[in-house]
Amino acid sequence: MKLSQYTFAFLMGYFLYSLVEILNRGYTHWTMSLTGGAILAILYGINRHKAMTLIRSCFIGAVIITAVEFTVGIFDNLIMHWNVWDYSDMPLNVLGQICPHFTVYWFLLCIPSYYLCMLIRKRFSNNPPDEV
């Protein structure tokens, strides 16, 4: 894997996630842009394996995104008090930072992410995905 591929995946995640947030909420926060970039770069690394199916990728991606969302939420919202989001009114939330509703959303968001990762790999690499 080349660093340039991960950089491109990061930039795609940075801009696409920002766009999704702006279209859905009307605004975004710079830390969410960085988080979106980091997540797509992580998913890009995960999806390099031939054994990675779409469903497996979505499940793993949803768990990773939820864990990263929790970590970023603790920093952004509880430590820095930037109030980027608050899920306190959502059922089964954890400290107002994560909730099952959004984990399902992350699972669904991983579907286009899976295909985007494959497209990036196909475009920038002549090598097939690694075997596990």
N, C-alpha and C. Protein backbone atom coordinates (compact mmCIF):
# COMPACT_ATOMS: atom_id res chain seq x y z
N MET A 1 0.83 -1.18 0.00
CA MET A 1 0.00 0.00 0.00
C MET A 1 0.88 1.25 0.00
N LYS A 2 0.53 2.15 -0.86
CA LYS A 2 1.28 3.39 -0.93
C LYS A 2 0.64 4.45 -0.05
N LEU A 3 1.49 5.29 0.51
CA LEU A 3 1.01 6.39 1.33
C LEU A 3 0.08 7.30 0.54
N SER A 4 0.37 7.47 -0.75
CA SER A 4 -0.47 8.34 -1.58
C SER A 4 -1.91 7.82 -1.67
N GLN A 5 -2.09 6.50 -1.65
CA GLN A 5 -3.44 5.94 -1.68
C GLN A 5 -4.19 6.24 -0.39
N TYR A 6 -3.51 6.10 0.74
CA TYR A 6 -4.13 6.42 2.02
C TYR A 6 -4.42 7.92 2.13
N THR A 7 -3.51 8.73 1.61
CA THR A 7 -3.72 10.18 1.62
C THR A 7 -4.94 10.54 0.79
N PHE A 8 -5.06 9.92 -0.38
CA PHE A 8 -6.22 10.20 -1.23
C PHE A 8 -7.51 9.74 -0.54
N ALA A 9 -7.47 8.55 0.08
CA ALA A 9 -8.64 8.06 0.82
C ALA A 9 -8.99 9.02 1.95
N PHE A 10 -7.98 9.51 2.67
CA PHE A 10 -8.22 10.47 3.75
C PHE A 10 -8.90 11.72 3.21
N LEU A 11 -8.37 12.27 2.12
CA LEU A 11 -8.94 13.49 1.57
C LEU A 11 -10.37 13.28 1.07
N MET A 12 -10.62 12.13 0.45
CA MET A 12 -11.99 11.82 0.00
C MET A 12 -12.93 11.75 1.21
N GLY A 13 -12.51 11.06 2.27
CA GLY A 13 -13.33 10.97 3.47
C GLY A 13 -13.54 12.33 4.12
N TYR A 14 -12.50 13.13 4.14
CA TYR A 14 -12.56 14.48 4.72
C TYR A 14 -13.65 15.29 4.02
N PHE A 15 -13.58 15.34 2.70
CA PHE A 15 -14.52 16.19 1.96
C PHE A 15 -15.91 15.57 1.84
N LEU A 16 -15.99 14.27 1.59
CA LEU A 16 -17.30 13.64 1.43
C LEU A 16 -18.09 13.63 2.74
N TYR A 17 -17.42 13.31 3.85
CA TYR A 17 -18.15 13.32 5.12
C TYR A 17 -18.59 14.73 5.48
N SER A 18 -17.75 15.71 5.21
CA SER A 18 -18.13 17.11 5.46
C SER A 18 -19.37 17.46 4.64
N LEU A 19 -19.39 17.04 3.40
CA LEU A 19 -20.53 17.31 2.52
C LEU A 19 -21.79 16.64 3.05
N VAL A 20 -21.69 15.39 3.47
CA VAL A 20 -22.84 14.66 4.02
C VAL A 20 -23.37 15.39 5.25
N GLU A 21 -22.49 15.81 6.14
CA GLU A 21 -22.93 16.53 7.34
C GLU A 21 -23.58 17.86 7.00
N ILE A 22 -23.00 18.59 6.08
CA ILE A 22 -23.56 19.88 5.71
C ILE A 22 -24.93 19.70 5.07
N LEU A 23 -25.08 18.69 4.23
CA LEU A 23 -26.38 18.44 3.61
C LEU A 23 -27.43 17.99 4.63
N ASN A 24 -27.02 17.23 5.64
CA ASN A 24 -27.97 16.73 6.63
C ASN A 24 -28.22 17.68 7.79
N ARG A 25 -27.18 18.35 8.28
CA ARG A 25 -27.31 19.21 9.46
C ARG A 25 -27.22 20.68 9.15
N GLY A 26 -26.70 21.01 7.97
CA GLY A 26 -26.53 22.41 7.60
C GLY A 26 -25.17 22.98 7.98
N TYR A 27 -24.36 22.21 8.68
CA TYR A 27 -23.03 22.66 9.10
C TYR A 27 -22.20 21.42 9.49
N THR A 28 -20.91 21.64 9.68
CA THR A 28 -20.03 20.60 10.21
C THR A 28 -19.00 21.29 11.10
N HIS A 29 -18.19 20.49 11.74
CA HIS A 29 -17.12 20.99 12.61
C HIS A 29 -15.81 20.44 12.05
N TRP A 30 -14.76 21.20 12.16
CA TRP A 30 -13.50 20.78 11.57
C TRP A 30 -13.02 19.43 12.10
N THR A 31 -13.33 19.12 13.35
CA THR A 31 -12.90 17.82 13.87
C THR A 31 -13.66 16.67 13.22
N MET A 32 -14.88 16.93 12.78
CA MET A 32 -15.64 15.89 12.09
C MET A 32 -15.08 15.66 10.70
N SER A 33 -14.59 16.70 10.07
CA SER A 33 -13.95 16.54 8.76
C SER A 33 -12.70 15.67 8.89
N LEU A 34 -11.89 15.96 9.90
CA LEU A 34 -10.69 15.13 10.14
C LEU A 34 -11.08 13.69 10.48
N THR A 35 -12.14 13.53 11.26
CA THR A 35 -12.60 12.19 11.64
C THR A 35 -13.08 11.43 10.42
N GLY A 36 -13.84 12.09 9.55
CA GLY A 36 -14.30 11.45 8.31
C GLY A 36 -13.14 11.00 7.45
N GLY A 37 -12.09 11.81 7.37
CA GLY A 37 -10.90 11.44 6.60
C GLY A 37 -10.19 10.25 7.21
N ALA A 38 -10.02 10.29 8.52
CA ALA A 38 -9.34 9.18 9.21
C ALA A 38 -10.12 7.88 9.05
N ILE A 39 -11.44 7.96 9.15
CA ILE A 39 -12.28 6.76 9.03
C ILE A 39 -12.16 6.16 7.65
N LEU A 40 -12.24 6.97 6.59
CA LEU A 40 -12.14 6.39 5.25
C LEU A 40 -10.75 5.80 5.01
N ALA A 41 -9.71 6.41 5.55
CA ALA A 41 -8.36 5.83 5.42
C ALA A 41 -8.29 4.48 6.14
N ILE A 42 -8.91 4.38 7.31
CA ILE A 42 -8.94 3.10 8.04
C ILE A 42 -9.74 2.07 7.25
N LEU A 43 -10.90 2.47 6.75
CA LEU A 43 -11.71 1.53 5.96
C LEU A 43 -10.98 1.11 4.70
N TYR A 44 -10.23 2.00 4.11
CA TYR A 44 -9.43 1.67 2.92
C TYR A 44 -8.44 0.55 3.24
N GLY A 45 -7.79 0.65 4.39
CA GLY A 45 -6.86 -0.40 4.80
C GLY A 45 -7.57 -1.72 5.08
N ILE A 46 -8.72 -1.65 5.69
CA ILE A 46 -9.48 -2.87 6.01
C ILE A 46 -9.99 -3.56 4.75
N ASN A 47 -10.44 -2.78 3.79
CA ASN A 47 -11.04 -3.34 2.58
C ASN A 47 -10.04 -3.83 1.55
N ARG A 48 -8.78 -3.88 1.89
CA ARG A 48 -7.77 -4.35 0.93
C ARG A 48 -7.74 -5.87 0.79
N HIS A 49 -8.33 -6.56 1.72
CA HIS A 49 -8.28 -8.02 1.72
C HIS A 49 -9.36 -8.62 0.82
N LYS A 50 -9.00 -9.62 0.04
CA LYS A 50 -9.96 -10.28 -0.84
C LYS A 50 -11.09 -10.93 -0.05
N ALA A 51 -10.80 -11.37 1.15
CA ALA A 51 -11.81 -12.04 1.98
C ALA A 51 -12.82 -11.06 2.58
N MET A 52 -12.60 -9.77 2.42
CA MET A 52 -13.49 -8.78 3.00
C MET A 52 -14.74 -8.63 2.14
N THR A 53 -15.85 -9.14 2.65
CA THR A 53 -17.12 -9.01 1.96
C THR A 53 -17.77 -7.68 2.31
N LEU A 54 -18.77 -7.30 1.57
CA LEU A 54 -19.48 -6.06 1.84
C LEU A 54 -20.08 -6.06 3.24
N ILE A 55 -20.78 -7.13 3.62
CA ILE A 55 -21.42 -7.19 4.93
C ILE A 55 -20.40 -7.15 6.05
N ARG A 56 -19.32 -7.90 5.90
CA ARG A 56 -18.25 -7.90 6.91
C ARG A 56 -17.64 -6.52 7.04
N SER A 57 -17.40 -5.88 5.89
CA SER A 57 -16.84 -4.53 5.90
C SER A 57 -17.77 -3.54 6.61
N CYS A 58 -19.06 -3.66 6.34
CA CYS A 58 -20.03 -2.76 6.98
C CYS A 58 -20.11 -2.99 8.48
N PHE A 59 -20.08 -4.24 8.89
CA PHE A 59 -20.14 -4.54 10.33
C PHE A 59 -18.89 -4.02 11.04
N ILE A 60 -17.72 -4.35 10.50
CA ILE A 60 -16.46 -3.90 11.11
C ILE A 60 -16.39 -2.37 11.07
N GLY A 61 -16.78 -1.80 9.93
CA GLY A 61 -16.76 -0.35 9.79
C GLY A 61 -17.66 0.35 10.80
N ALA A 62 -18.86 -0.20 11.00
CA ALA A 62 -19.80 0.41 11.97
C ALA A 62 -19.23 0.38 13.38
N VAL A 63 -18.59 -0.72 13.73
CA VAL A 63 -17.98 -0.83 15.06
C VAL A 63 -16.82 0.16 15.20
N ILE A 64 -15.98 0.25 14.19
CA ILE A 64 -14.83 1.17 14.23
C ILE A 64 -15.32 2.62 14.27
N ILE A 65 -16.27 2.95 13.42
CA ILE A 65 -16.76 4.32 13.39
C ILE A 65 -17.39 4.70 14.73
N THR A 66 -18.17 3.78 15.31
CA THR A 66 -18.79 4.06 16.61
C THR A 66 -17.72 4.26 17.67
N ALA A 67 -16.66 3.46 17.66
CA ALA A 67 -15.57 3.61 18.64
C ALA A 67 -14.84 4.93 18.45
N VAL A 68 -14.57 5.29 17.20
CA VAL A 68 -13.91 6.57 16.93
C VAL A 68 -14.82 7.73 17.29
N GLU A 69 -16.11 7.60 16.97
CA GLU A 69 -17.07 8.64 17.32
C GLU A 69 -17.11 8.85 18.85
N PHE A 70 -17.06 7.77 19.59
CA PHE A 70 -17.05 7.87 21.05
C PHE A 70 -15.80 8.60 21.53
N THR A 71 -14.66 8.21 20.99
CA THR A 71 -13.39 8.83 21.39
C THR A 71 -13.36 10.31 21.04
N VAL A 72 -13.74 10.64 19.81
CA VAL A 72 -13.76 12.05 19.40
C VAL A 72 -14.80 12.82 20.21
N GLY A 73 -15.94 12.20 20.47
CA GLY A 73 -16.99 12.84 21.26
C GLY A 73 -16.53 13.16 22.67
N ILE A 74 -15.81 12.23 23.29
CA ILE A 74 -15.28 12.49 24.64
C ILE A 74 -14.39 13.72 24.61
N PHE A 75 -13.50 13.79 23.60
CA PHE A 75 -12.59 14.93 23.50
C PHE A 75 -13.34 16.21 23.14
N ASP A 76 -14.09 16.18 22.02
CA ASP A 76 -14.75 17.39 21.53
C ASP A 76 -15.82 17.91 22.49
N ASN A 77 -16.66 17.01 22.95
CA ASN A 77 -17.85 17.44 23.68
C ASN A 77 -17.68 17.48 25.20
N LEU A 78 -17.01 16.49 25.76
CA LEU A 78 -16.91 16.42 27.22
C LEU A 78 -15.66 17.11 27.77
N ILE A 79 -14.56 17.01 27.06
CA ILE A 79 -13.33 17.65 27.54
C ILE A 79 -13.24 19.10 27.08
N MET A 80 -13.40 19.32 25.76
CA MET A 80 -13.25 20.66 25.20
C MET A 80 -14.54 21.49 25.27
N HIS A 81 -15.67 20.84 25.50
CA HIS A 81 -16.98 21.53 25.58
C HIS A 81 -17.32 22.29 24.30
N TRP A 82 -16.98 21.69 23.14
CA TRP A 82 -17.30 22.31 21.86
C TRP A 82 -18.74 22.02 21.43
N ASN A 83 -19.37 21.06 22.08
CA ASN A 83 -20.77 20.72 21.79
C ASN A 83 -21.02 20.48 20.30
N VAL A 84 -20.21 19.60 19.72
CA VAL A 84 -20.34 19.28 18.31
C VAL A 84 -21.61 18.47 18.07
N TRP A 85 -21.94 17.55 18.96
CA TRP A 85 -23.19 16.81 18.90
C TRP A 85 -23.57 16.35 20.30
N ASP A 86 -24.81 15.96 20.45
CA ASP A 86 -25.31 15.48 21.73
C ASP A 86 -26.45 14.50 21.48
N TYR A 87 -26.21 13.24 21.79
CA TYR A 87 -27.21 12.20 21.59
C TYR A 87 -27.94 11.88 22.90
N SER A 88 -27.90 12.78 23.87
CA SER A 88 -28.50 12.52 25.17
C SER A 88 -29.98 12.19 25.09
N ASP A 89 -30.66 12.72 24.09
CA ASP A 89 -32.09 12.46 23.96
C ASP A 89 -32.40 11.18 23.18
N MET A 90 -31.38 10.48 22.71
CA MET A 90 -31.56 9.25 21.94
C MET A 90 -31.59 8.05 22.89
N PRO A 91 -32.41 7.04 22.58
CA PRO A 91 -32.46 5.85 23.43
C PRO A 91 -31.12 5.10 23.44
N LEU A 92 -30.77 4.55 24.57
CA LEU A 92 -29.58 3.72 24.76
C LEU A 92 -28.27 4.43 24.44
N ASN A 93 -28.24 5.77 24.55
CA ASN A 93 -27.00 6.50 24.29
C ASN A 93 -25.99 6.23 25.40
N VAL A 94 -24.72 6.43 25.08
CA VAL A 94 -23.65 6.29 26.05
C VAL A 94 -23.01 7.67 26.22
N LEU A 95 -23.23 8.28 27.37
CA LEU A 95 -22.70 9.60 27.70
C LEU A 95 -23.09 10.67 26.68
N GLY A 96 -24.13 10.42 25.92
CA GLY A 96 -24.57 11.36 24.90
C GLY A 96 -23.68 11.41 23.68
N GLN A 97 -22.71 10.47 23.58
CA GLN A 97 -21.73 10.52 22.49
C GLN A 97 -22.00 9.50 21.39
N ILE A 98 -22.57 8.36 21.73
CA ILE A 98 -22.90 7.33 20.74
C ILE A 98 -24.27 6.76 21.08
N CYS A 99 -24.91 6.17 20.05
CA CYS A 99 -26.18 5.50 20.27
C CYS A 99 -26.39 4.49 19.14
N PRO A 100 -27.20 3.46 19.40
CA PRO A 100 -27.43 2.42 18.38
C PRO A 100 -28.00 2.96 17.07
N HIS A 101 -28.83 3.98 17.14
CA HIS A 101 -29.41 4.56 15.94
C HIS A 101 -28.32 4.98 14.95
N PHE A 102 -27.30 5.65 15.43
CA PHE A 102 -26.24 6.10 14.55
C PHE A 102 -25.28 4.98 14.16
N THR A 103 -25.16 3.96 14.98
CA THR A 103 -24.36 2.80 14.59
C THR A 103 -24.97 2.13 13.37
N VAL A 104 -26.30 2.06 13.33
CA VAL A 104 -26.98 1.53 12.13
C VAL A 104 -26.72 2.45 10.94
N TYR A 105 -26.77 3.73 11.16
CA TYR A 105 -26.46 4.70 10.10
C TYR A 105 -25.03 4.50 9.59
N TRP A 106 -24.08 4.28 10.50
CA TRP A 106 -22.68 4.07 10.08
C TRP A 106 -22.57 2.78 9.27
N PHE A 107 -23.32 1.75 9.67
CA PHE A 107 -23.33 0.49 8.90
C PHE A 107 -23.76 0.79 7.46
N LEU A 108 -24.83 1.54 7.29
CA LEU A 108 -25.33 1.86 5.95
C LEU A 108 -24.36 2.76 5.18
N LEU A 109 -23.72 3.68 5.89
CA LEU A 109 -22.75 4.57 5.24
C LEU A 109 -21.52 3.79 4.75
N CYS A 110 -21.26 2.65 5.36
CA CYS A 110 -20.13 1.82 4.94
C CYS A 110 -20.37 1.14 3.60
N ILE A 111 -21.61 1.08 3.13
CA ILE A 111 -21.88 0.47 1.82
C ILE A 111 -21.23 1.29 0.71
N PRO A 112 -21.54 2.59 0.58
CA PRO A 112 -20.83 3.34 -0.47
C PRO A 112 -19.34 3.47 -0.19
N SER A 113 -18.96 3.47 1.09
CA SER A 113 -17.54 3.56 1.44
C SER A 113 -16.78 2.35 0.92
N TYR A 114 -17.39 1.17 1.02
CA TYR A 114 -16.77 -0.06 0.54
C TYR A 114 -16.46 0.06 -0.96
N TYR A 115 -17.45 0.52 -1.72
CA TYR A 115 -17.25 0.65 -3.16
C TYR A 115 -16.30 1.79 -3.51
N LEU A 116 -16.30 2.84 -2.73
CA LEU A 116 -15.35 3.93 -2.94
C LEU A 116 -13.92 3.44 -2.70
N CYS A 117 -13.73 2.63 -1.67
CA CYS A 117 -12.40 2.07 -1.39
C CYS A 117 -11.94 1.18 -2.54
N MET A 118 -12.84 0.38 -3.08
CA MET A 118 -12.50 -0.48 -4.22
C MET A 118 -12.15 0.37 -5.44
N LEU A 119 -12.89 1.44 -5.66
CA LEU A 119 -12.63 2.33 -6.78
C LEU A 119 -11.28 3.02 -6.64
N ILE A 120 -10.97 3.49 -5.45
CA ILE A 120 -9.66 4.12 -5.21
C ILE A 120 -8.54 3.12 -5.49
N ARG A 121 -8.70 1.90 -4.97
CA ARG A 121 -7.68 0.88 -5.16
C ARG A 121 -7.50 0.57 -6.64
N LYS A 122 -8.60 0.42 -7.35
CA LYS A 122 -8.55 0.10 -8.78
C LYS A 122 -7.89 1.22 -9.56
N ARG A 123 -8.20 2.44 -9.20
CA ARG A 123 -7.67 3.60 -9.92
C ARG A 123 -6.18 3.81 -9.68
N PHE A 124 -5.71 3.58 -8.47
CA PHE A 124 -4.34 3.91 -8.11
C PHE A 124 -3.40 2.72 -7.98
N SER A 125 -3.90 1.54 -8.21
CA SER A 125 -3.04 0.37 -8.03
C SER A 125 -3.29 -0.64 -9.14
N ASN A 126 -2.21 -1.20 -9.64
CA ASN A 126 -2.31 -2.28 -10.61
C ASN A 126 -2.36 -3.63 -9.91
N ASN A 127 -2.18 -3.61 -8.58
CA ASN A 127 -2.15 -4.85 -7.81
C ASN A 127 -3.54 -5.17 -7.30
N PRO A 128 -3.92 -6.45 -7.30
CA PRO A 128 -5.20 -6.83 -6.70
C PRO A 128 -5.12 -6.69 -5.19
N PRO A 129 -6.28 -6.67 -4.51
CA PRO A 129 -6.26 -6.60 -3.04
C PRO A 129 -5.47 -7.77 -2.45
N ASP A 130 -4.83 -7.53 -1.30
CA ASP A 130 -4.05 -8.57 -0.63
C ASP A 130 -4.94 -9.71 -0.19
N GLU A 131 -4.37 -10.89 -0.19
CA GLU A 131 -5.09 -12.04 0.34
C GLU A 131 -4.81 -12.17 1.82
N VAL A 132 -5.79 -12.66 2.53
CA VAL A 132 -5.64 -12.85 3.97
C VAL A 132 -5.28 -14.30 4.23
